[in-house]
Amino acid sequence: MPHVKAKRLRQRFRKRLEDERALQTRTGKILVVLAEGLTQTH
């Protein structure tokens, strides 16, 4: 059944997108913290 396979692929793709978004927000938060630390020290 190609339809089921496509659905599974789409779910995997969506999960990867969500993981990437979470990773981006995590790195963004780290960057914000680093920037705040730099502005505070100077």
C-alpha atoms as a PDB file:
ATOM      1  CA  MET A   1       0.000   0.000   0.000  1.00  0.00           C
ATOM      2  CA  PRO A   2       1.774   3.168  -1.155  1.00  0.00           C
ATOM      3  CA  HIS A   3      -0.691   5.404   0.671  1.00  0.00           C
ATOM      4  CA  VAL A   4       0.248   4.071   4.108  1.00  0.00           C
ATOM      5  CA  LYS A   5       3.930   4.446   3.279  1.00  0.00           C
ATOM      6  CA  ALA A   6       3.413   8.063   2.221  1.00  0.00           C
ATOM      7  CA  LYS A   7       1.497   8.776   5.413  1.00  0.00           C
ATOM      8  CA  ARG A   8       4.296   7.290   7.499  1.00  0.00           C
ATOM      9  CA  LEU A   9       6.889   9.312   5.600  1.00  0.00           C
ATOM     10  CA  ARG A  10       4.863  12.469   6.115  1.00  0.00           C
ATOM     11  CA  GLN A  11       4.617  11.805   9.853  1.00  0.00           C
ATOM     12  CA  ARG A  12       8.370  11.241  10.034  1.00  0.00           C
ATOM     13  CA  PHE A  13       8.983  14.439   8.079  1.00  0.00           C
ATOM     14  CA  ARG A  14       6.670  16.406  10.385  1.00  0.00           C
ATOM     15  CA  LYS A  15       8.449  15.005  13.435  1.00  0.00           C
ATOM     16  CA  ARG A  16      11.809  16.018  11.968  1.00  0.00           C
ATOM     17  CA  LEU A  17      10.473  19.513  11.343  1.00  0.00           C
ATOM     18  CA  GLU A  18       9.255  19.773  14.932  1.00  0.00           C
ATOM     19  CA  ASP A  19      12.609  18.513  16.216  1.00  0.00           C
ATOM     20  CA  GLU A  20      14.436  21.086  14.101  1.00  0.00           C
ATOM     21  CA  ARG A  21      12.141  23.851  15.353  1.00  0.00           C
ATOM     22  CA  ALA A  22      12.717  22.816  18.969  1.00  0.00           C
ATOM     23  CA  LEU A  23      16.462  22.720  18.345  1.00  0.00           C
ATOM     24  CA  GLN A  24      16.329  26.176  16.781  1.00  0.00           C
ATOM     25  CA  THR A  25      14.417  27.627  19.738  1.00  0.00           C
ATOM     26  CA  ARG A  26      16.890  25.974  22.116  1.00  0.00           C
ATOM     27  CA  THR A  27      19.911  27.421  20.309  1.00  0.00           C
ATOM     28  CA  GLY A  28      18.094  30.752  20.052  1.00  0.00           C
ATOM     29  CA  LYS A  29      17.569  30.802  23.814  1.00  0.00           C
ATOM     30  CA  ILE A  30      21.241  29.968  24.357  1.00  0.00           C
ATOM     31  CA  LEU A  31      22.249  32.785  22.003  1.00  0.00           C
ATOM     32  CA  VAL A  32      19.980  35.203  23.857  1.00  0.00           C
ATOM     33  CA  VAL A  33      21.489  34.169  27.191  1.00  0.00           C
ATOM     34  CA  LEU A  34      25.002  34.568  25.782  1.00  0.00           C
ATOM     35  CA  ALA A  35      24.149  37.994  24.364  1.00  0.00           C
ATOM     36  CA  GLU A  36      22.670  39.106  27.695  1.00  0.00           C
ATOM     37  CA  GLY A  37      25.792  37.878  29.497  1.00  0.00           C
ATOM     38  CA  LEU A  38      28.029  39.796  27.095  1.00  0.00           C
ATOM     39  CA  THR A  39      26.045  43.012  27.482  1.00  0.00           C
ATOM     40  CA  GLN A  40      26.084  42.653  31.280  1.00  0.00           C
ATOM     41  CA  THR A  41      29.847  42.096  31.520  1.00  0.00           C
ATOM     42  CA  HIS A  42      30.692  45.121  29.345  1.00  0.00           C
END
